[in-house]
Amino acid sequence: MTQITGKATVRVDGEELLSEVGATLNVGGVEREAQLGPRGVQGYKENPVAPSIQVTVQHTGETDIVQLAGITAASVLFETDTGVTYLMREAFVTEPPELDASAGTFALNFSGMGLERV
């Protein structure tokens, strides 16, 4: 029987993030937008979309949220439980993380110069 992806591990420069089960990968590429005229759709225009990874990190006494917020030029691996791995090159954190103290977590959002399956 075929296994369906159910969880992912995220590594930054080889170090695994202590994260929740769900992480999200956007492979980037091209976004297409319908262009309308008086009689309906006349075509579309394309806009580039950068790849992105979103992961919710568990906060512990050893977690340096300031250091994680400053990540630039990193190699980020998105490893699925089905054995598929994606590499984001020259990755950087896109916005400062906010620590939710009641949940003990914060979100890290990455973008990068490219994404490839490895």
PDB file of N, CA and C in Angstrom:
ATOM      1  N   MET A   1       0.843  -1.172   0.000  1.00  0.00           N
ATOM      2  CA  MET A   1       0.000   0.000   0.000  1.00  0.00           C
ATOM      3  C   MET A   1       0.893   1.242   0.000  1.00  0.00           C
ATOM      4  N   THR A   2       0.497   2.260  -0.700  1.00  0.00           N
ATOM      5  CA  THR A   2       1.259   3.495  -0.817  1.00  0.00           C
ATOM      6  C   THR A   2       1.128   4.336   0.444  1.00  0.00           C
ATOM      7  N   GLN A   3       2.261   4.821   0.956  1.00  0.00           N
ATOM      8  CA  GLN A   3       2.244   5.705   2.126  1.00  0.00           C
ATOM      9  C   GLN A   3       2.004   7.137   1.674  1.00  0.00           C
ATOM     10  N   ILE A   4       1.150   7.839   2.386  1.00  0.00           N
ATOM     11  CA  ILE A   4       0.863   9.245   2.138  1.00  0.00           C
ATOM     12  C   ILE A   4       1.658  10.069   3.148  1.00  0.00           C
ATOM     13  N   THR A   5       2.243  11.165   2.694  1.00  0.00           N
ATOM     14  CA  THR A   5       3.012  12.026   3.592  1.00  0.00           C
ATOM     15  C   THR A   5       2.130  12.521   4.731  1.00  0.00           C
ATOM     16  N   GLY A   6       2.635  12.375   5.949  1.00  0.00           N
ATOM     17  CA  GLY A   6       1.872  12.788   7.119  1.00  0.00           C
ATOM     18  C   GLY A   6       2.624  13.713   8.056  1.00  0.00           C
ATOM     19  N   LYS A   7       3.946  13.775   7.902  1.00  0.00           N
ATOM     20  CA  LYS A   7       4.735  14.662   8.756  1.00  0.00           C
ATOM     21  C   LYS A   7       6.052  14.977   8.064  1.00  0.00           C
ATOM     22  N   ALA A   8       6.712  16.009   8.575  1.00  0.00           N
ATOM     23  CA  ALA A   8       7.988  16.425   7.995  1.00  0.00           C
ATOM     24  C   ALA A   8       8.926  16.896   9.095  1.00  0.00           C
ATOM     25  N   THR A   9      10.204  16.730   8.839  1.00  0.00           N
ATOM     26  CA  THR A   9      11.264  17.220   9.708  1.00  0.00           C
ATOM     27  C   THR A   9      11.974  18.345   8.967  1.00  0.00           C
ATOM     28  N   VAL A  10      12.299  19.416   9.683  1.00  0.00           N
ATOM     29  CA  VAL A  10      13.006  20.543   9.077  1.00  0.00           C
ATOM     30  C   VAL A  10      14.372  20.663   9.742  1.00  0.00           C
ATOM     31  N   ARG A  11      15.411  20.736   8.907  1.00  0.00           N
ATOM     32  CA  ARG A  11      16.788  20.902   9.388  1.00  0.00           C
ATOM     33  C   ARG A  11      17.364  22.195   8.803  1.00  0.00           C
ATOM     34  N   VAL A  12      18.076  22.931   9.645  1.00  0.00           N
ATOM     35  CA  VAL A  12      18.744  24.162   9.220  1.00  0.00           C
ATOM     36  C   VAL A  12      20.241  23.949   9.390  1.00  0.00           C
ATOM     37  N   ASP A  13      20.963  23.986   8.282  1.00  0.00           N
ATOM     38  CA  ASP A  13      22.412  23.727   8.289  1.00  0.00           C
ATOM     39  C   ASP A  13      22.748  22.465   9.079  1.00  0.00           C
ATOM     40  N   GLY A  14      21.939  21.423   8.870  1.00  0.00           N
ATOM     41  CA  GLY A  14      22.184  20.117   9.471  1.00  0.00           C
ATOM     42  C   GLY A  14      21.565  19.895  10.835  1.00  0.00           C
ATOM     43  N   GLU A  15      21.111  20.951  11.506  1.00  0.00           N
ATOM     44  CA  GLU A  15      20.525  20.836  12.844  1.00  0.00           C
ATOM     45  C   GLU A  15      19.003  20.723  12.749  1.00  0.00           C
ATOM     46  N   GLU A  16      18.466  19.633  13.310  1.00  0.00           N
ATOM     47  CA  GLU A  16      17.015  19.434  13.284  1.00  0.00           C
ATOM     48  C   GLU A  16      16.332  20.400  14.242  1.00  0.00           C
ATOM     49  N   LEU A  17      15.268  21.051  13.745  1.00  0.00           N
ATOM     50  CA  LEU A  17      14.469  21.916  14.603  1.00  0.00           C
ATOM     51  C   LEU A  17      13.515  21.052  15.417  1.00  0.00           C
ATOM     52  N   LEU A  18      13.349  21.359  16.691  1.00  0.00           N
ATOM     53  CA  LEU A  18      12.384  20.680  17.545  1.00  0.00           C
ATOM     54  C   LEU A  18      11.024  21.288  17.202  1.00  0.00           C
ATOM     55  N   SER A  19      10.274  20.603  16.360  1.00  0.00           N
ATOM     56  CA  SER A  19       9.070  21.209  15.796  1.00  0.00           C
ATOM     57  C   SER A  19       7.845  20.336  15.987  1.00  0.00           C
ATOM     58  N   GLU A  20       6.684  20.951  15.727  1.00  0.00           N
ATOM     59  CA  GLU A  20       5.439  20.210  15.707  1.00  0.00           C
ATOM     60  C   GLU A  20       5.421  19.338  14.455  1.00  0.00           C
ATOM     61  N   VAL A  21       4.456  18.422  14.391  1.00  0.00           N
ATOM     62  CA  VAL A  21       4.383  17.461  13.284  1.00  0.00           C
ATOM     63  C   VAL A  21       4.197  18.155  11.937  1.00  0.00           C
ATOM     64  N   GLY A  22       3.319  19.119  11.861  1.00  0.00           N
ATOM     65  CA  GLY A  22       2.993  19.743  10.584  1.00  0.00           C
ATOM     66  C   GLY A  22       3.957  20.841  10.203  1.00  0.00           C
ATOM     67  N   ALA A  23       4.491  20.761   9.025  1.00  0.00           N
ATOM     68  CA  ALA A  23       5.274  21.832   8.417  1.00  0.00           C
ATOM     69  C   ALA A  23       4.746  21.974   6.993  1.00  0.00           C
ATOM     70  N   THR A  24       4.931  23.143   6.410  1.00  0.00           N
ATOM     71  CA  THR A  24       4.368  23.418   5.091  1.00  0.00           C
ATOM     72  C   THR A  24       5.470  23.820   4.123  1.00  0.00           C
ATOM     73  N   LEU A  25       5.397  23.270   2.913  1.00  0.00           N
ATOM     74  CA  LEU A  25       6.356  23.575   1.855  1.00  0.00           C
ATOM     75  C   LEU A  25       5.613  24.136   0.654  1.00  0.00           C
ATOM     76  N   ASN A  26       6.035  25.313   0.186  1.00  0.00           N
ATOM     77  CA  ASN A  26       5.546  25.884  -1.067  1.00  0.00           C
ATOM     78  C   ASN A  26       6.728  25.830  -2.020  1.00  0.00           C
ATOM     79  N   VAL A  27       6.594  25.088  -3.118  1.00  0.00           N
ATOM     80  CA  VAL A  27       7.730  24.869  -4.014  1.00  0.00           C
ATOM     81  C   VAL A  27       8.092  26.095  -4.845  1.00  0.00           C
ATOM     82  N   GLY A  28       7.254  27.129  -4.825  1.00  0.00           N
ATOM     83  CA  GLY A  28       7.532  28.325  -5.609  1.00  0.00           C
ATOM     84  C   GLY A  28       7.320  28.065  -7.092  1.00  0.00           C
ATOM     85  N   GLY A  29       7.697  29.016  -7.900  1.00  0.00           N
ATOM     86  CA  GLY A  29       7.534  28.871  -9.343  1.00  0.00           C
ATOM     87  C   GLY A  29       6.808  30.064  -9.926  1.00  0.00           C
ATOM     88  N   VAL A  30       5.662  29.781 -10.547  1.00  0.00           N
ATOM     89  CA  VAL A  30       4.915  30.824 -11.236  1.00  0.00           C
ATOM     90  C   VAL A  30       3.468  30.809 -10.775  1.00  0.00           C
ATOM     91  N   GLU A  31       2.960  32.000 -10.476  1.00  0.00           N
ATOM     92  CA  GLU A  31       1.544  32.187 -10.156  1.00  0.00           C
ATOM     93  C   GLU A  31       0.884  32.797 -11.392  1.00  0.00           C
ATOM     94  N   ARG A  32      -0.245  32.264 -11.775  1.00  0.00           N
ATOM     95  CA  ARG A  32      -0.949  32.778 -12.953  1.00  0.00           C
ATOM     96  C   ARG A  32      -2.253  33.436 -12.528  1.00  0.00           C
ATOM     97  N   GLU A  33      -2.489  34.618 -13.085  1.00  0.00           N
ATOM     98  CA  GLU A  33      -3.672  35.401 -12.741  1.00  0.00           C
ATOM     99  C   GLU A  33      -4.483  35.667 -14.007  1.00  0.00           C
ATOM    100  N   ALA A  34      -5.771  35.335 -13.944  1.00  0.00           N
ATOM    101  CA  ALA A  34      -6.654  35.560 -15.091  1.00  0.00           C
ATOM    102  C   ALA A  34      -6.763  37.057 -15.376  1.00  0.00           C
ATOM    103  N   GLN A  35      -6.733  37.401 -16.650  1.00  0.00           N
ATOM    104  CA  GLN A  35      -6.920  38.776 -17.090  1.00  0.00           C
ATOM    105  C   GLN A  35      -8.276  38.867 -17.776  1.00  0.00           C
ATOM    106  N   LEU A  36      -9.119  39.737 -17.234  1.00  0.00           N
ATOM    107  CA  LEU A  36     -10.499  39.822 -17.704  1.00  0.00           C
ATOM    108  C   LEU A  36     -10.712  41.013 -18.615  1.00  0.00           C
ATOM    109  N   GLY A  37     -11.623  40.837 -19.551  1.00  0.00           N
ATOM    110  CA  GLY A  37     -12.077  41.895 -20.422  1.00  0.00           C
ATOM    111  C   GLY A  37     -13.593  41.922 -20.400  1.00  0.00           C
ATOM    112  N   PRO A  38     -14.223  42.712 -21.259  1.00  0.00           N
ATOM    113  CA  PRO A  38     -15.681  42.834 -21.239  1.00  0.00           C
ATOM    114  C   PRO A  38     -16.413  41.530 -21.559  1.00  0.00           C
ATOM    115  N   ARG A  39     -15.761  40.602 -22.236  1.00  0.00           N
ATOM    116  CA  ARG A  39     -16.413  39.336 -22.595  1.00  0.00           C
ATOM    117  C   ARG A  39     -15.892  38.150 -21.783  1.00  0.00           C
ATOM    118  N   GLY A  40     -15.138  38.438 -20.723  1.00  0.00           N
ATOM    119  CA  GLY A  40     -14.633  37.352 -19.888  1.00  0.00           C
ATOM    120  C   GLY A  40     -13.117  37.273 -19.900  1.00  0.00           C
ATOM    121  N   VAL A  41     -12.623  36.081 -19.679  1.00  0.00           N
ATOM    122  CA  VAL A  41     -11.180  35.871 -19.584  1.00  0.00           C
ATOM    123  C   VAL A  41     -10.537  36.025 -20.957  1.00  0.00           C
ATOM    124  N   GLN A  42      -9.509  36.866 -21.020  1.00  0.00           N
ATOM    125  CA  GLN A  42      -8.790  37.099 -22.268  1.00  0.00           C
ATOM    126  C   GLN A  42      -7.418  36.439 -22.267  1.00  0.00           C
ATOM    127  N   GLY A  43      -6.990  36.011 -21.120  1.00  0.00           N
ATOM    128  CA  GLY A  43      -5.673  35.392 -21.005  1.00  0.00           C
ATOM    129  C   GLY A  43      -5.233  35.420 -19.559  1.00  0.00           C
ATOM    130  N   TYR A  44      -3.934  35.331 -19.363  1.00  0.00           N
ATOM    131  CA  TYR A  44      -3.396  35.354 -18.004  1.00  0.00           C
ATOM    132  C   TYR A  44      -2.034  36.024 -18.008  1.00  0.00           C
ATOM    133  N   LYS A  45      -1.644  36.481 -16.817  1.00  0.00           N
ATOM    134  CA  LYS A  45      -0.282  36.996 -16.663  1.00  0.00           C
ATOM    135  C   LYS A  45       0.396  36.184 -15.575  1.00  0.00           C
ATOM    136  N   GLU A  46       1.713  36.101 -15.684  1.00  0.00           N
ATOM    137  CA  GLU A  46       2.491  35.300 -14.749  1.00  0.00           C
ATOM    138  C   GLU A  46       3.311  36.194 -13.826  1.00  0.00           C
ATOM    139  N   ASN A  47       3.398  35.764 -12.574  1.00  0.00           N
ATOM    140  CA  ASN A  47       4.218  36.440 -11.579  1.00  0.00           C
ATOM    141  C   ASN A  47       5.073  35.389 -10.870  1.00  0.00           C
ATOM    142  N   PRO A  48       6.351  35.676 -10.650  1.00  0.00           N
ATOM    143  CA  PRO A  48       7.193  34.706  -9.945  1.00  0.00           C
ATOM    144  C   PRO A  48       6.796  34.605  -8.471  1.00  0.00           C
ATOM    145  N   VAL A  49       6.933  33.397  -7.924  1.00  0.00           N
ATOM    146  CA  VAL A  49       6.657  33.137  -6.509  1.00  0.00           C
ATOM    147  C   VAL A  49       7.876  32.433  -5.919  1.00  0.00           C
ATOM    148  N   ALA A  50       8.388  32.964  -4.840  1.00  0.00           N
ATOM    149  CA  ALA A  50       9.551  32.360  -4.177  1.00  0.00           C
ATOM    150  C   ALA A  50       9.117  31.120  -3.400  1.00  0.00           C
ATOM    151  N   PRO A  51       9.988  30.125  -3.291  1.00  0.00           N
ATOM    152  CA  PRO A  51       9.664  28.968  -2.459  1.00  0.00           C
ATOM    153  C   PRO A  51       9.625  29.381  -0.991  1.00  0.00           C
ATOM    154  N   SER A  52       8.862  28.628  -0.191  1.00  0.00           N
ATOM    155  CA  SER A  52       8.796  28.942   1.237  1.00  0.00           C
ATOM    156  C   SER A  52       8.580  27.678   2.061  1.00  0.00           C
ATOM    157  N   ILE A  53       9.013  27.750   3.302  1.00  0.00           N
ATOM    158  CA  ILE A  53       8.800  26.689   4.284  1.00  0.00           C
ATOM    159  C   ILE A  53       8.298  27.357   5.553  1.00  0.00           C
ATOM    160  N   GLN A  54       7.217  26.804   6.115  1.00  0.00           N
ATOM    161  CA  GLN A  54       6.700  27.265   7.395  1.00  0.00           C
ATOM    162  C   GLN A  54       6.757  26.098   8.369  1.00  0.00           C
ATOM    163  N   VAL A  55       7.272  26.365   9.565  1.00  0.00           N
ATOM    164  CA  VAL A  55       7.391  25.326  10.582  1.00  0.00           C
ATOM    165  C   VAL A  55       7.122  25.951  11.949  1.00  0.00           C
ATOM    166  N   THR A  56       6.425  25.207  12.808  1.00  0.00           N
ATOM    167  CA  THR A  56       6.175  25.648  14.176  1.00  0.00           C
ATOM    168  C   THR A  56       7.183  24.967  15.092  1.00  0.00           C
ATOM    169  N   VAL A  57       7.988  25.777  15.762  1.00  0.00           N
ATOM    170  CA  VAL A  57       9.089  25.290  16.589  1.00  0.00           C
ATOM    171  C   VAL A  57       8.658  25.267  18.059  1.00  0.00           C
ATOM    172  N   GLN A  58       9.046  24.201  18.768  1.00  0.00           N
ATOM    173  CA  GLN A  58       8.805  24.090  20.206  1.00  0.00           C
ATOM    174  C   GLN A  58       9.878  24.907  20.929  1.00  0.00           C
ATOM    175  N   HIS A  59       9.466  25.720  21.890  1.00  0.00           N
ATOM    176  CA  HIS A  59      10.418  26.554  22.627  1.00  0.00           C
ATOM    177  C   HIS A  59      10.823  25.868  23.925  1.00  0.00           C
ATOM    178  N   THR A  60      12.137  25.740  24.144  1.00  0.00           N
ATOM    179  CA  THR A  60      12.679  25.168  25.385  1.00  0.00           C
ATOM    180  C   THR A  60      13.682  26.157  25.975  1.00  0.00           C
ATOM    181  N   GLY A  61      14.254  25.811  27.099  1.00  0.00           N
ATOM    182  CA  GLY A  61      15.276  26.658  27.712  1.00  0.00           C
ATOM    183  C   GLY A  61      16.522  26.786  26.865  1.00  0.00           C
ATOM    184  N   GLU A  62      16.747  25.836  25.968  1.00  0.00           N
ATOM    185  CA  GLU A  62      17.930  25.865  25.102  1.00  0.00           C
ATOM    186  C   GLU A  62      17.668  26.538  23.754  1.00  0.00           C
ATOM    187  N   THR A  63      16.422  26.896  23.475  1.00  0.00           N
ATOM    188  CA  THR A  63      16.079  27.486  22.180  1.00  0.00           C
ATOM    189  C   THR A  63      16.504  28.948  22.137  1.00  0.00           C
ATOM    190  N   ASP A  64      17.323  29.308  21.156  1.00  0.00           N
ATOM    191  CA  ASP A  64      17.753  30.698  20.980  1.00  0.00           C
ATOM    192  C   ASP A  64      16.931  31.316  19.856  1.00  0.00           C
ATOM    193  N   ILE A  65      15.785  31.876  20.225  1.00  0.00           N
ATOM    194  CA  ILE A  65      14.865  32.435  19.231  1.00  0.00           C
ATOM    195  C   ILE A  65      15.499  33.619  18.495  1.00  0.00           C
ATOM    196  N   VAL A  66      16.358  34.377  19.165  1.00  0.00           N
ATOM    197  CA  VAL A  66      17.024  35.515  18.521  1.00  0.00           C
ATOM    198  C   VAL A  66      17.972  35.019  17.432  1.00  0.00           C
ATOM    199  N   GLN A  67      18.731  33.973  17.727  1.00  0.00           N
ATOM    200  CA  GLN A  67      19.650  33.401  16.733  1.00  0.00           C
ATOM    201  C   GLN A  67      18.866  32.843  15.551  1.00  0.00           C
ATOM    202  N   LEU A  68      17.769  32.143  15.826  1.00  0.00           N
ATOM    203  CA  LEU A  68      16.955  31.583  14.741  1.00  0.00           C
ATOM    204  C   LEU A  68      16.346  32.689  13.883  1.00  0.00           C
ATOM    205  N   ALA A  69      15.938  33.798  14.494  1.00  0.00           N
ATOM    206  CA  ALA A  69      15.351  34.918  13.750  1.00  0.00           C
ATOM    207  C   ALA A  69      16.347  35.541  12.778  1.00  0.00           C
ATOM    208  N   GLY A  70      17.640  35.420  13.075  1.00  0.00           N
ATOM    209  CA  GLY A  70      18.672  36.032  12.240  1.00  0.00           C
ATOM    210  C   GLY A  70      19.231  35.145  11.147  1.00  0.00           C
ATOM    211  N   ILE A  71      18.604  34.003  10.904  1.00  0.00           N
ATOM    212  CA  ILE A  71      19.133  33.072   9.903  1.00  0.00           C
ATOM    213  C   ILE A  71      19.113  33.693   8.508  1.00  0.00           C
ATOM    214  N   THR A  72      20.266  33.650   7.845  1.00  0.00           N
ATOM    215  CA  THR A  72      20.388  34.027   6.432  1.00  0.00           C
ATOM    216  C   THR A  72      21.366  33.053   5.787  1.00  0.00           C
ATOM    217  N   ALA A  73      21.265  32.899   4.492  1.00  0.00           N
ATOM    218  CA  ALA A  73      22.198  32.079   3.703  1.00  0.00           C
ATOM    219  C   ALA A  73      22.346  30.662   4.249  1.00  0.00           C
ATOM    220  N   ALA A  74      21.240  30.065   4.679  1.00  0.00           N
ATOM    221  CA  ALA A  74      21.265  28.714   5.250  1.00  0.00           C
ATOM    222  C   ALA A  74      20.815  27.678   4.225  1.00  0.00           C
ATOM    223  N   SER A  75      21.170  26.439   4.501  1.00  0.00           N
ATOM    224  CA  SER A  75      20.630  25.301   3.751  1.00  0.00           C
ATOM    225  C   SER A  75      19.541  24.688   4.623  1.00  0.00           C
ATOM    226  N   VAL A  76      18.313  24.675   4.123  1.00  0.00           N
ATOM    227  CA  VAL A  76      17.186  24.146   4.888  1.00  0.00           C
ATOM    228  C   VAL A  76      16.667  22.904   4.181  1.00  0.00           C
ATOM    229  N   LEU A  77      16.600  21.801   4.928  1.00  0.00           N
ATOM    230  CA  LEU A  77      16.063  20.544   4.406  1.00  0.00           C
ATOM    231  C   LEU A  77      14.664  20.326   4.946  1.00  0.00           C
ATOM    232  N   PHE A  78      13.758  19.936   4.065  1.00  0.00           N
ATOM    233  CA  PHE A  78      12.385  19.563   4.405  1.00  0.00           C
ATOM    234  C   PHE A  78      12.283  18.078   4.089  1.00  0.00           C
ATOM    235  N   GLU A  79      12.289  17.245   5.141  1.00  0.00           N
ATOM    236  CA  GLU A  79      12.327  15.789   4.974  1.00  0.00           C
ATOM    237  C   GLU A  79      10.977  15.195   5.358  1.00  0.00           C
ATOM    238  N   THR A  80      10.322  14.529   4.414  1.00  0.00           N
ATOM    239  CA  THR A  80       9.018  13.935   4.694  1.00  0.00           C
ATOM    240  C   THR A  80       9.172  12.518   5.226  1.00  0.00           C
ATOM    241  N   ASP A  81       8.114  12.034   5.870  1.00  0.00           N
ATOM    242  CA  ASP A  81       8.140  10.670   6.397  1.00  0.00           C
ATOM    243  C   ASP A  81       7.997   9.619   5.301  1.00  0.00           C
ATOM    244  N   THR A  82       7.807  10.054   4.069  1.00  0.00           N
ATOM    245  CA  THR A  82       7.754   9.132   2.934  1.00  0.00           C
ATOM    246  C   THR A  82       9.101   9.032   2.225  1.00  0.00           C
ATOM    247  N   GLY A  83      10.121   9.677   2.796  1.00  0.00           N
ATOM    248  CA  GLY A  83      11.463   9.565   2.241  1.00  0.00           C
ATOM    249  C   GLY A  83      11.824  10.596   1.196  1.00  0.00           C
ATOM    250  N   VAL A  84      10.966  11.578   0.980  1.00  0.00           N
ATOM    251  CA  VAL A  84      11.251  12.628   0.001  1.00  0.00           C
ATOM    252  C   VAL A  84      11.863  13.819   0.739  1.00  0.00           C
ATOM    253  N   THR A  85      12.956  14.355   0.189  1.00  0.00           N
ATOM    254  CA  THR A  85      13.645  15.484   0.809  1.00  0.00           C
ATOM    255  C   THR A  85      13.784  16.613  -0.202  1.00  0.00           C
ATOM    256  N   TYR A  86      13.540  17.836   0.273  1.00  0.00           N
ATOM    257  CA  TYR A  86      13.708  19.039  -0.537  1.00  0.00           C
ATOM    258  C   TYR A  86      14.757  19.923   0.123  1.00  0.00           C
ATOM    259  N   LEU A  87      15.606  20.529  -0.693  1.00  0.00           N
ATOM    260  CA  LEU A  87      16.656  21.422  -0.218  1.00  0.00           C
ATOM    261  C   LEU A  87      16.356  22.842  -0.670  1.00  0.00           C
ATOM    262  N   MET A  88      16.268  23.758   0.292  1.00  0.00           N
ATOM    263  CA  MET A  88      16.133  25.180  -0.018  1.00  0.00           C
ATOM    264  C   MET A  88      17.512  25.806   0.154  1.00  0.00           C
ATOM    265  N   ARG A  89      18.015  26.397  -0.919  1.00  0.00           N
ATOM    266  CA  ARG A  89      19.345  27.010  -0.920  1.00  0.00           C
ATOM    267  C   ARG A  89      19.281  28.486  -0.532  1.00  0.00           C
ATOM    268  N   GLU A  90      20.342  28.951   0.146  1.00  0.00           N
ATOM    269  CA  GLU A  90      20.454  30.367   0.534  1.00  0.00           C
ATOM    270  C   GLU A  90      19.182  30.844   1.240  1.00  0.00           C
ATOM    271  N   ALA A  91      18.692  30.027   2.158  1.00  0.00           N
ATOM    272  CA  ALA A  91      17.432  30.320   2.848  1.00  0.00           C
ATOM    273  C   ALA A  91      17.618  31.381   3.928  1.00  0.00           C
ATOM    274  N   PHE A  92      16.543  32.109   4.174  1.00  0.00           N
ATOM    275  CA  PHE A  92      16.541  33.159   5.187  1.00  0.00           C
ATOM    276  C   PHE A  92      15.172  33.205   5.853  1.00  0.00           C
ATOM    277  N   VAL A  93      15.147  33.655   7.111  1.00  0.00           N
ATOM    278  CA  VAL A  93      13.890  33.836   7.835  1.00  0.00           C
ATOM    279  C   VAL A  93      13.255  35.120   7.328  1.00  0.00           C
ATOM    280  N   THR A  94      11.970  35.054   6.973  1.00  0.00           N
ATOM    281  CA  THR A  94      11.315  36.189   6.328  1.00  0.00           C
ATOM    282  C   THR A  94      10.723  37.211   7.283  1.00  0.00           C
ATOM    283  N   GLU A  95      10.461  36.820   8.527  1.00  0.00           N
ATOM    284  CA  GLU A  95       9.874  37.762   9.486  1.00  0.00           C
ATOM    285  C   GLU A  95      10.258  37.347  10.900  1.00  0.00           C
ATOM    286  N   PRO A  96      10.303  38.295  11.819  1.00  0.00           N
ATOM    287  CA  PRO A  96      10.668  37.950  13.194  1.00  0.00           C
ATOM    288  C   PRO A  96       9.632  36.999  13.808  1.00  0.00           C
ATOM    289  N   PRO A  97      10.087  35.942  14.474  1.00  0.00           N
ATOM    290  CA  PRO A  97       9.142  35.020  15.100  1.00  0.00           C
ATOM    291  C   PRO A  97       8.532  35.617  16.365  1.00  0.00           C
ATOM    292  N   GLU A  98       7.298  35.203  16.660  1.00  0.00           N
ATOM    293  CA  GLU A  98       6.608  35.624  17.880  1.00  0.00           C
ATOM    294  C   GLU A  98       6.412  34.407  18.761  1.00  0.00           C
ATOM    295  N   LEU A  99       6.940  34.456  19.966  1.00  0.00           N
ATOM    296  CA  LEU A  99       6.814  33.349  20.906  1.00  0.00           C
ATOM    297  C   LEU A  99       5.448  33.390  21.574  1.00  0.00           C
ATOM    298  N   ASP A 100       4.687  32.314  21.425  1.00  0.00           N
ATOM    299  CA  ASP A 100       3.407  32.147  22.123  1.00  0.00           C
ATOM    300  C   ASP A 100       3.715  31.372  23.403  1.00  0.00           C
ATOM    301  N   ALA A 101       3.850  32.090  24.518  1.00  0.00           N
ATOM    302  CA  ALA A 101       4.276  31.469  25.771  1.00  0.00           C
ATOM    303  C   ALA A 101       3.274  30.442  26.278  1.00  0.00           C
ATOM    304  N   SER A 102       1.982  30.661  26.044  1.00  0.00           N
ATOM    305  CA  SER A 102       0.989  29.701  26.539  1.00  0.00           C
ATOM    306  C   SER A 102       1.049  28.383  25.777  1.00  0.00           C
ATOM    307  N   ALA A 103       1.455  28.428  24.516  1.00  0.00           N
ATOM    308  CA  ALA A 103       1.578  27.210  23.711  1.00  0.00           C
ATOM    309  C   ALA A 103       3.007  26.665  23.728  1.00  0.00           C
ATOM    310  N   GLY A 104       3.961  27.526  24.058  1.00  0.00           N
ATOM    311  CA  GLY A 104       5.363  27.114  24.048  1.00  0.00           C
ATOM    312  C   GLY A 104       5.925  26.933  22.654  1.00  0.00           C
ATOM    313  N   THR A 105       5.394  27.698  21.687  1.00  0.00           N
ATOM    314  CA  THR A 105       5.817  27.546  20.292  1.00  0.00           C
ATOM    315  C   THR A 105       5.977  28.907  19.617  1.00  0.00           C
ATOM    316  N   PHE A 106       6.667  28.877  18.477  1.00  0.00           N
ATOM    317  CA  PHE A 106       6.733  30.033  17.593  1.00  0.00           C
ATOM    318  C   PHE A 106       6.891  29.534  16.165  1.00  0.00           C
ATOM    319  N   ALA A 107       6.434  30.333  15.217  1.00  0.00           N
ATOM    320  CA  ALA A 107       6.520  29.968  13.802  1.00  0.00           C
ATOM    321  C   ALA A 107       7.793  30.543  13.199  1.00  0.00           C
ATOM    322  N   LEU A 108       8.455  29.730  12.366  1.00  0.00           N
ATOM    323  CA  LEU A 108       9.565  30.206  11.550  1.00  0.00           C
ATOM    324  C   LEU A 108       9.143  30.081  10.099  1.00  0.00           C
ATOM    325  N   ASN A 109       9.297  31.173   9.365  1.00  0.00           N
ATOM    326  CA  ASN A 109       8.965  31.198   7.948  1.00  0.00           C
ATOM    327  C   ASN A 109      10.238  31.457   7.164  1.00  0.00           C
ATOM    328  N   PHE A 110      10.538  30.544   6.244  1.00  0.00           N
ATOM    329  CA  PHE A 110      11.744  30.641   5.428  1.00  0.00           C
ATOM    330  C   PHE A 110      11.383  30.888   3.970  1.00  0.00           C
ATOM    331  N   SER A 111      12.259  31.599   3.277  1.00  0.00           N
ATOM    332  CA  SER A 111      12.243  31.675   1.826  1.00  0.00           C
ATOM    333  C   SER A 111      13.688  31.497   1.400  1.00  0.00           C
ATOM    334  N   GLY A 112      13.908  31.336   0.096  1.00  0.00           N
ATOM    335  CA  GLY A 112      15.272  31.115  -0.350  1.00  0.00           C
ATOM    336  C   GLY A 112      15.440  31.349  -1.833  1.00  0.00           C
ATOM    337  N   MET A 113      16.660  31.117  -2.298  1.00  0.00           N
ATOM    338  CA  MET A 113      17.012  31.377  -3.689  1.00  0.00           C
ATOM    339  C   MET A 113      16.567  30.272  -4.630  1.00  0.00           C
ATOM    340  N   GLY A 114      16.234  29.123  -4.098  1.00  0.00           N
ATOM    341  CA  GLY A 114      15.783  28.030  -4.944  1.00  0.00           C
ATOM    342  C   GLY A 114      15.447  26.815  -4.110  1.00  0.00           C
ATOM    343  N   LEU A 115      14.689  25.909  -4.717  1.00  0.00           N
ATOM    344  CA  LEU A 115      14.280  24.684  -4.040  1.00  0.00           C
ATOM    345  C   LEU A 115      14.447  23.534  -5.016  1.00  0.00           C
ATOM    346  N   GLU A 116      14.988  22.438  -4.526  1.00  0.00           N
ATOM    347  CA  GLU A 116      15.132  21.266  -5.382  1.00  0.00           C
ATOM    348  C   GLU A 116      14.888  19.998  -4.576  1.00  0.00           C
ATOM    349  N   ARG A 117      14.404  18.989  -5.256  1.00  0.00           N
ATOM    350  CA  ARG A 117      14.245  17.678  -4.631  1.00  0.00           C
ATOM    351  C   ARG A 117      15.603  16.988  -4.660  1.00  0.00           C
ATOM    352  N   VAL A 118      16.005  16.419  -3.532  1.00  0.00           N
ATOM    353  CA  VAL A 118      17.308  15.745  -3.463  1.00  0.00           C
ATOM    354  C   VAL A 118      17.136  14.281  -3.106  1.00  0.00           C
TER     355      VAL A 118
END
